[in-house]
Amino acid sequence: MKVNIYELLEGAKQARGAVVIIDVFRAFTMESYAFSRGAARIYPVGDIGEAYRRREETPGILLAGERGGVRQPGFDFGNSPFEVMQADLQGKTLVHTTSAGTQGVAAAIGQAEELLLGALVNAGATARYLRAKNPAEVSLVAMGLAGVTPTTEDRLCAEYIRALLLGLPFSREGAVEQLRSTDGARFFRAESQDSAPEQDFWLSVEFDRFDFALPVRRDEQGYIYTQPVHVPE
């Protein structure tokens, strides 16, 4: 198995084979917690306008996401794992659009042989899913901030999944403290608490909290969506 690490939106466009789009702060962490609260399906989309159109087509769909970290007008949720943890999402369908993670999905879907969504909370399950499939090539894409600026947490997650896939040593020691003092520092600022509360940081850095991978599929209309596939140890 050949494992490559790419970064940012340009990396998502270059990725080949089985592709994992990684967004720890916070897109795919949020989706993981939404599934833990009972969500049935989540449709990642790149365009805000498409999110609004999808709700017009299918009343009852919930909209989630952000631009610049801020919930968009008329959306039911922002991009906060802590926010969705307070909600009863049993059987609900969400359409999700973000500045980085879902943009990476849109960029990679055309050339990926298989596409998965990754974060620290489901990294181990993602690696187990891929090991079972044993693709010849895996591309891990650390999406960074808005898909244009590299971030510590997404690179760390990519390196962690790579180590799990290849049986390489990986130390988590000091990782949470490093993230808190670098790209996670924004979650501890008073002015960020409405859109990016401190709890989001702690929920995002729980390594391997969930035992499911998030592969991307197409529905009967051709829309891409994800739902959890459990991969127990």
C-alpha atoms as a PDB file:
ATOM      1  CA  MET A   1       0.000   0.000   0.000  1.00  0.00           C
ATOM      2  CA  LYS A   2       1.379   3.385  -1.054  1.00  0.00           C
ATOM      3  CA  VAL A   3       0.329   6.204   1.285  1.00  0.00           C
ATOM      4  CA  ASN A   4       0.747   9.853   0.291  1.00  0.00           C
ATOM      5  CA  ILE A   5      -0.042  12.968   2.307  1.00  0.00           C
ATOM      6  CA  TYR A   6      -1.353  16.013   0.479  1.00  0.00           C
ATOM      7  CA  GLU A   7      -2.465  19.365   1.802  1.00  0.00           C
ATOM      8  CA  LEU A   8      -5.087  22.000   1.081  1.00  0.00           C
ATOM      9  CA  LEU A   9      -7.503  22.342  -1.802  1.00  0.00           C
ATOM     10  CA  GLU A  10      -4.758  21.840  -4.371  1.00  0.00           C
ATOM     11  CA  GLY A  11      -3.836  18.592  -2.664  1.00  0.00           C
ATOM     12  CA  ALA A  12      -7.438  17.414  -2.843  1.00  0.00           C
ATOM     13  CA  LYS A  13      -7.371  17.965  -6.595  1.00  0.00           C
ATOM     14  CA  GLN A  14      -4.163  15.910  -6.909  1.00  0.00           C
ATOM     15  CA  ALA A  15      -5.247  13.033  -4.652  1.00  0.00           C
ATOM     16  CA  ARG A  16      -5.681   9.602  -6.231  1.00  0.00           C
ATOM     17  CA  GLY A  17      -6.672   6.114  -5.170  1.00  0.00           C
ATOM     18  CA  ALA A  18      -8.571   5.830  -1.900  1.00  0.00           C
ATOM     19  CA  VAL A  19      -8.777   9.423  -0.680  1.00  0.00           C
ATOM     20  CA  VAL A  20      -9.340  10.605   2.888  1.00  0.00           C
ATOM     21  CA  ILE A  21     -10.329  14.259   3.202  1.00  0.00           C
ATOM     22  CA  ILE A  22      -9.291  15.387   6.692  1.00  0.00           C
ATOM     23  CA  ASP A  23     -10.847  18.293   8.585  1.00  0.00           C
ATOM     24  CA  VAL A  24     -10.345  18.065  12.350  1.00  0.00           C
ATOM     25  CA  PHE A  25     -11.364  21.673  13.228  1.00  0.00           C
ATOM     26  CA  ARG A  26     -14.207  21.018  12.599  1.00  0.00           C
ATOM     27  CA  ALA A  27     -16.166  19.668   9.654  1.00  0.00           C
ATOM     28  CA  PHE A  28     -15.744  15.928   9.969  1.00  0.00           C
ATOM     29  CA  THR A  29     -15.528  16.015  13.730  1.00  0.00           C
ATOM     30  CA  MET A  30     -18.920  17.707  13.684  1.00  0.00           C
ATOM     31  CA  GLU A  31     -20.315  15.108  11.282  1.00  0.00           C
ATOM     32  CA  SER A  32     -19.071  12.295  13.511  1.00  0.00           C
ATOM     33  CA  TYR A  33     -20.831  13.742  16.537  1.00  0.00           C
ATOM     34  CA  ALA A  34     -23.976  14.360  14.483  1.00  0.00           C
ATOM     35  CA  PHE A  35     -24.080  10.666  13.632  1.00  0.00           C
ATOM     36  CA  SER A  36     -23.603   9.841  17.308  1.00  0.00           C
ATOM     37  CA  ARG A  37     -26.761  11.889  17.936  1.00  0.00           C
ATOM     38  CA  GLY A  38     -28.755   9.807  15.477  1.00  0.00           C
ATOM     39  CA  ALA A  39     -28.355  11.555  12.117  1.00  0.00           C
ATOM     40  CA  ALA A  40     -29.225   9.222   9.240  1.00  0.00           C
ATOM     41  CA  ARG A  41     -27.309  10.829   6.375  1.00  0.00           C
ATOM     42  CA  ILE A  42     -25.149  13.875   5.798  1.00  0.00           C
ATOM     43  CA  TYR A  43     -24.724  15.393   2.337  1.00  0.00           C
ATOM     44  CA  PRO A  44     -21.475  17.393   2.024  1.00  0.00           C
ATOM     45  CA  VAL A  45     -21.723  20.207  -0.523  1.00  0.00           C
ATOM     46  CA  GLY A  46     -19.275  22.877  -1.569  1.00  0.00           C
ATOM     47  CA  ASP A  47     -21.736  25.618  -2.447  1.00  0.00           C
ATOM     48  CA  ILE A  48     -24.017  27.443  -0.003  1.00  0.00           C
ATOM     49  CA  GLY A  49     -26.567  28.008  -2.739  1.00  0.00           C
ATOM     50  CA  GLU A  50     -26.775  24.276  -3.318  1.00  0.00           C
ATOM     51  CA  ALA A  51     -27.500  23.765   0.374  1.00  0.00           C
ATOM     52  CA  TYR A  52     -30.462  26.139   0.184  1.00  0.00           C
ATOM     53  CA  ARG A  53     -31.718  24.497  -3.011  1.00  0.00           C
ATOM     54  CA  ARG A  54     -31.552  21.060  -1.460  1.00  0.00           C
ATOM     55  CA  ARG A  55     -33.783  22.160   1.399  1.00  0.00           C
ATOM     56  CA  GLU A  56     -36.279  23.575  -1.077  1.00  0.00           C
ATOM     57  CA  GLU A  57     -36.306  20.216  -2.870  1.00  0.00           C
ATOM     58  CA  THR A  58     -36.641  18.175   0.318  1.00  0.00           C
ATOM     59  CA  PRO A  59     -38.456  19.888   3.191  1.00  0.00           C
ATOM     60  CA  GLY A  60     -37.271  18.684   6.574  1.00  0.00           C
ATOM     61  CA  ILE A  61     -33.596  18.573   5.646  1.00  0.00           C
ATOM     62  CA  LEU A  62     -31.420  20.419   8.156  1.00  0.00           C
ATOM     63  CA  LEU A  63     -28.685  22.786   7.031  1.00  0.00           C
ATOM     64  CA  ALA A  64     -25.334  22.952   8.812  1.00  0.00           C
ATOM     65  CA  GLY A  65     -22.078  24.717   8.126  1.00  0.00           C
ATOM     66  CA  GLU A  66     -20.115  27.933   8.045  1.00  0.00           C
ATOM     67  CA  ARG A  67     -18.154  30.492   6.165  1.00  0.00           C
ATOM     68  CA  GLY A  68     -15.364  32.140   8.082  1.00  0.00           C
ATOM     69  CA  GLY A  69     -16.347  29.955  11.015  1.00  0.00           C
ATOM     70  CA  VAL A  70     -19.792  31.579  11.266  1.00  0.00           C
ATOM     71  CA  ARG A  71     -23.181  29.890  10.801  1.00  0.00           C
ATOM     72  CA  GLN A  72     -24.944  31.039   7.642  1.00  0.00           C
ATOM     73  CA  PRO A  73     -28.363  32.753   7.545  1.00  0.00           C
ATOM     74  CA  GLY A  74     -31.234  30.303   7.744  1.00  0.00           C
ATOM     75  CA  PHE A  75     -29.005  27.386   8.742  1.00  0.00           C
ATOM     76  CA  ASP A  76     -30.073  25.122  11.581  1.00  0.00           C
ATOM     77  CA  PHE A  77     -26.523  24.592  12.840  1.00  0.00           C
ATOM     78  CA  GLY A  78     -23.093  26.051  12.427  1.00  0.00           C
ATOM     79  CA  ASN A  79     -20.052  23.802  12.274  1.00  0.00           C
ATOM     80  CA  SER A  80     -19.817  23.134  16.007  1.00  0.00           C
ATOM     81  CA  PRO A  81     -19.553  19.586  17.390  1.00  0.00           C
ATOM     82  CA  PHE A  82     -20.686  20.896  20.773  1.00  0.00           C
ATOM     83  CA  GLU A  83     -23.788  22.425  19.203  1.00  0.00           C
ATOM     84  CA  VAL A  84     -24.906  19.226  17.491  1.00  0.00           C
ATOM     85  CA  MET A  85     -24.228  17.273  20.676  1.00  0.00           C
ATOM     86  CA  GLN A  86     -27.102  19.215  22.243  1.00  0.00           C
ATOM     87  CA  ALA A  87     -29.532  18.234  19.463  1.00  0.00           C
ATOM     88  CA  ASP A  88     -31.743  15.206  18.889  1.00  0.00           C
ATOM     89  CA  LEU A  89     -30.900  14.248  15.310  1.00  0.00           C
ATOM     90  CA  GLN A  90     -32.518  10.824  15.288  1.00  0.00           C
ATOM     91  CA  GLY A  91     -33.362   9.934  11.694  1.00  0.00           C
ATOM     92  CA  LYS A  92     -32.519  13.417  10.408  1.00  0.00           C
ATOM     93  CA  THR A  93     -30.763  14.267   7.155  1.00  0.00           C
ATOM     94  CA  LEU A  94     -28.290  17.150   7.071  1.00  0.00           C
ATOM     95  CA  VAL A  95     -26.746  19.106   4.231  1.00  0.00           C
ATOM     96  CA  HIS A  96     -23.330  20.387   5.319  1.00  0.00           C
ATOM     97  CA  THR A  97     -21.133  23.040   3.719  1.00  0.00           C
ATOM     98  CA  THR A  98     -17.854  24.421   5.082  1.00  0.00           C
ATOM     99  CA  SER A  99     -14.865  26.517   4.108  1.00  0.00           C
ATOM    100  CA  ALA A 100     -12.424  23.599   3.972  1.00  0.00           C
ATOM    101  CA  GLY A 101     -13.659  20.040   4.452  1.00  0.00           C
ATOM    102  CA  THR A 102     -16.601  19.936   2.085  1.00  0.00           C
ATOM    103  CA  GLN A 103     -14.606  21.933  -0.478  1.00  0.00           C
ATOM    104  CA  GLY A 104     -12.061  19.126  -0.429  1.00  0.00           C
ATOM    105  CA  VAL A 105     -14.801  16.584  -1.023  1.00  0.00           C
ATOM    106  CA  ALA A 106     -16.038  18.523  -4.041  1.00  0.00           C
ATOM    107  CA  ALA A 107     -12.485  18.762  -5.403  1.00  0.00           C
ATOM    108  CA  ALA A 108     -11.620  15.079  -4.949  1.00  0.00           C
ATOM    109  CA  ILE A 109     -14.842  13.252  -5.740  1.00  0.00           C
ATOM    110  CA  GLY A 110     -14.246  13.130  -9.487  1.00  0.00           C
ATOM    111  CA  GLN A 111     -10.946  11.261  -9.423  1.00  0.00           C
ATOM    112  CA  ALA A 112     -11.060   9.316  -6.137  1.00  0.00           C
ATOM    113  CA  GLU A 113     -11.534   5.560  -6.409  1.00  0.00           C
ATOM    114  CA  GLU A 114     -13.055   5.748  -2.945  1.00  0.00           C
ATOM    115  CA  LEU A 115     -13.575   8.783  -0.736  1.00  0.00           C
ATOM    116  CA  LEU A 116     -13.704   8.942   3.052  1.00  0.00           C
ATOM    117  CA  LEU A 117     -14.041  11.739   5.595  1.00  0.00           C
ATOM    118  CA  GLY A 118     -11.518  11.810   8.417  1.00  0.00           C
ATOM    119  CA  ALA A 119     -10.818  13.457  11.759  1.00  0.00           C
ATOM    120  CA  LEU A 120      -9.006  12.458  14.927  1.00  0.00           C
ATOM    121  CA  VAL A 121     -12.247  11.123  16.419  1.00  0.00           C
ATOM    122  CA  ASN A 122     -12.584   8.447  13.717  1.00  0.00           C
ATOM    123  CA  ALA A 123      -8.970   8.073  12.569  1.00  0.00           C
ATOM    124  CA  GLY A 124      -8.490   4.542  13.874  1.00  0.00           C
ATOM    125  CA  ALA A 125     -11.711   3.310  12.296  1.00  0.00           C
ATOM    126  CA  THR A 126     -10.761   4.980   9.019  1.00  0.00           C
ATOM    127  CA  ALA A 127      -7.424   3.170   9.026  1.00  0.00           C
ATOM    128  CA  ARG A 128      -9.088  -0.181   9.800  1.00  0.00           C
ATOM    129  CA  TYR A 129     -11.577   0.375   6.975  1.00  0.00           C
ATOM    130  CA  LEU A 130      -8.748   1.051   4.532  1.00  0.00           C
ATOM    131  CA  ARG A 131      -6.646  -1.872   5.715  1.00  0.00           C
ATOM    132  CA  ALA A 132      -9.588  -4.182   5.088  1.00  0.00           C
ATOM    133  CA  LYS A 133     -10.007  -2.781   1.565  1.00  0.00           C
ATOM    134  CA  ASN A 134      -6.223  -2.808   0.965  1.00  0.00           C
ATOM    135  CA  PRO A 135      -6.128  -0.315  -1.924  1.00  0.00           C
ATOM    136  CA  ALA A 136      -2.896   0.033  -3.862  1.00  0.00           C
ATOM    137  CA  GLU A 137      -2.782   3.777  -3.197  1.00  0.00           C
ATOM    138  CA  VAL A 138      -4.116   5.947  -0.374  1.00  0.00           C
ATOM    139  CA  SER A 139      -4.115   9.750  -0.412  1.00  0.00           C
ATOM    140  CA  LEU A 140      -4.539  11.553   2.912  1.00  0.00           C
ATOM    141  CA  VAL A 141      -5.501  15.190   2.392  1.00  0.00           C
ATOM    142  CA  ALA A 142      -4.998  17.623   5.291  1.00  0.00           C
ATOM    143  CA  MET A 143      -7.377  20.418   4.311  1.00  0.00           C
ATOM    144  CA  GLY A 144      -6.069  23.147   6.612  1.00  0.00           C
ATOM    145  CA  LEU A 145      -7.748  26.492   7.237  1.00  0.00           C
ATOM    146  CA  ALA A 146     -10.180  27.353   4.439  1.00  0.00           C
ATOM    147  CA  GLY A 147      -8.256  24.949   2.220  1.00  0.00           C
ATOM    148  CA  VAL A 148      -5.447  27.456   1.717  1.00  0.00           C
ATOM    149  CA  THR A 149      -3.383  27.556   4.945  1.00  0.00           C
ATOM    150  CA  PRO A 150      -1.780  24.428   6.458  1.00  0.00           C
ATOM    151  CA  THR A 151      -2.815  23.591  10.025  1.00  0.00           C
ATOM    152  CA  THR A 152      -1.216  21.492  12.722  1.00  0.00           C
ATOM    153  CA  GLU A 153      -4.274  19.401  13.547  1.00  0.00           C
ATOM    154  CA  ASP A 154      -5.028  18.200  10.021  1.00  0.00           C
ATOM    155  CA  ARG A 155      -1.392  17.349   9.334  1.00  0.00           C
ATOM    156  CA  LEU A 156      -1.210  15.497  12.657  1.00  0.00           C
ATOM    157  CA  CYS A 157      -4.314  13.496  11.784  1.00  0.00           C
ATOM    158  CA  ALA A 158      -2.907  12.588   8.365  1.00  0.00           C
ATOM    159  CA  GLU A 159       0.362  11.437   9.915  1.00  0.00           C
ATOM    160  CA  TYR A 160      -1.538   9.410  12.526  1.00  0.00           C
ATOM    161  CA  ILE A 161      -3.640   7.596   9.917  1.00  0.00           C
ATOM    162  CA  ARG A 162      -0.530   6.997   7.814  1.00  0.00           C
ATOM    163  CA  ALA A 163       1.241   5.441  10.802  1.00  0.00           C
ATOM    164  CA  LEU A 164      -1.745   3.188  11.497  1.00  0.00           C
ATOM    165  CA  LEU A 165      -1.896   2.059   7.866  1.00  0.00           C
ATOM    166  CA  LEU A 166       1.804   1.282   7.610  1.00  0.00           C
ATOM    167  CA  GLY A 167       2.383  -0.023  11.131  1.00  0.00           C
ATOM    168  CA  LEU A 168       4.719   2.839  11.984  1.00  0.00           C
ATOM    169  CA  PRO A 169       5.302   4.217  15.489  1.00  0.00           C
ATOM    170  CA  PHE A 170       3.296   7.282  16.445  1.00  0.00           C
ATOM    171  CA  SER A 171       3.356   9.117  19.750  1.00  0.00           C
ATOM    172  CA  ARG A 172       0.336  11.070  20.944  1.00  0.00           C
ATOM    173  CA  GLU A 173       2.317  12.439  23.864  1.00  0.00           C
ATOM    174  CA  GLY A 174       2.020  16.194  23.972  1.00  0.00           C
ATOM    175  CA  ALA A 175      -0.247  16.295  20.911  1.00  0.00           C
ATOM    176  CA  VAL A 176      -3.245  17.873  22.625  1.00  0.00           C
ATOM    177  CA  GLU A 177      -1.088  20.487  24.330  1.00  0.00           C
ATOM    178  CA  GLN A 178       0.591  21.283  21.017  1.00  0.00           C
ATOM    179  CA  LEU A 179      -2.752  21.742  19.278  1.00  0.00           C
ATOM    180  CA  ARG A 180      -4.077  23.912  22.090  1.00  0.00           C
ATOM    181  CA  SER A 181      -1.130  26.266  21.816  1.00  0.00           C
ATOM    182  CA  THR A 182      -1.162  26.464  18.005  1.00  0.00           C
ATOM    183  CA  ASP A 183      -4.190  26.200  15.722  1.00  0.00           C
ATOM    184  CA  GLY A 184      -6.533  25.279  18.570  1.00  0.00           C
ATOM    185  CA  ALA A 185      -5.849  28.488  20.478  1.00  0.00           C
ATOM    186  CA  ARG A 186      -8.761  30.241  18.800  1.00  0.00           C
ATOM    187  CA  PHE A 187     -11.264  28.080  20.680  1.00  0.00           C
ATOM    188  CA  PHE A 188     -10.129  29.651  23.944  1.00  0.00           C
ATOM    189  CA  ARG A 189     -10.657  33.278  22.933  1.00  0.00           C
ATOM    190  CA  ALA A 190     -13.615  35.051  24.518  1.00  0.00           C
ATOM    191  CA  GLU A 191     -14.766  36.488  21.198  1.00  0.00           C
ATOM    192  CA  SER A 192     -14.934  33.011  19.609  1.00  0.00           C
ATOM    193  CA  GLN A 193     -17.293  31.350  22.052  1.00  0.00           C
ATOM    194  CA  ASP A 194     -20.511  31.949  20.107  1.00  0.00           C
ATOM    195  CA  SER A 195     -19.316  30.279  16.897  1.00  0.00           C
ATOM    196  CA  ALA A 196     -16.347  28.168  18.055  1.00  0.00           C
ATOM    197  CA  PRO A 197     -16.728  27.362  21.754  1.00  0.00           C
ATOM    198  CA  GLU A 198     -13.967  25.893  23.874  1.00  0.00           C
ATOM    199  CA  GLN A 199     -15.870  22.602  24.043  1.00  0.00           C
ATOM    200  CA  ASP A 200     -15.318  22.165  20.298  1.00  0.00           C
ATOM    201  CA  PHE A 201     -11.593  21.880  20.899  1.00  0.00           C
ATOM    202  CA  TRP A 202     -11.903  19.133  23.490  1.00  0.00           C
ATOM    203  CA  LEU A 203     -14.431  17.185  21.421  1.00  0.00           C
ATOM    204  CA  SER A 204     -12.179  17.440  18.353  1.00  0.00           C
ATOM    205  CA  VAL A 205      -9.039  16.056  19.999  1.00  0.00           C
ATOM    206  CA  GLU A 206     -10.562  12.843  21.356  1.00  0.00           C
ATOM    207  CA  PHE A 207      -8.488  10.341  19.409  1.00  0.00           C
ATOM    208  CA  ASP A 208     -10.531   7.364  18.146  1.00  0.00           C
ATOM    209  CA  ARG A 209     -13.695   8.206  20.063  1.00  0.00           C
ATOM    210  CA  PHE A 210     -15.851   6.583  17.374  1.00  0.00           C
ATOM    211  CA  ASP A 211     -15.573   3.137  15.798  1.00  0.00           C
ATOM    212  CA  PHE A 212     -16.964   4.135  12.411  1.00  0.00           C
ATOM    213  CA  ALA A 213     -15.529   5.305   9.121  1.00  0.00           C
ATOM    214  CA  LEU A 214     -17.355   7.792   6.904  1.00  0.00           C
ATOM    215  CA  PRO A 215     -17.203   6.631   3.285  1.00  0.00           C
ATOM    216  CA  VAL A 216     -18.872   8.818   0.674  1.00  0.00           C
ATOM    217  CA  ARG A 217     -21.535   7.269  -1.556  1.00  0.00           C
ATOM    218  CA  ARG A 218     -24.039   8.448  -4.175  1.00  0.00           C
ATOM    219  CA  ASP A 219     -27.771   8.264  -3.649  1.00  0.00           C
ATOM    220  CA  GLU A 220     -30.371   7.328  -6.256  1.00  0.00           C
ATOM    221  CA  GLN A 221     -30.328  10.905  -7.595  1.00  0.00           C
ATOM    222  CA  GLY A 222     -26.551  11.030  -7.841  1.00  0.00           C
ATOM    223  CA  TYR A 223     -26.019  13.286  -4.831  1.00  0.00           C
ATOM    224  CA  ILE A 224     -23.044  12.420  -2.632  1.00  0.00           C
ATOM    225  CA  TYR A 225     -23.629  11.619   1.022  1.00  0.00           C
ATOM    226  CA  THR A 226     -22.001   9.849   3.929  1.00  0.00           C
ATOM    227  CA  GLN A 227     -23.220   7.645   6.732  1.00  0.00           C
ATOM    228  CA  PRO A 228     -21.224   5.661   9.271  1.00  0.00           C
ATOM    229  CA  VAL A 229     -19.802   2.213   8.604  1.00  0.00           C
ATOM    230  CA  HIS A 230     -18.800   0.586  11.873  1.00  0.00           C
ATOM    231  CA  VAL A 231     -15.341  -0.976  11.871  1.00  0.00           C
ATOM    232  CA  PRO A 232     -14.793  -2.562  15.298  1.00  0.00           C
ATOM    233  CA  GLU A 233     -11.274  -3.359  16.435  1.00  0.00           C
END
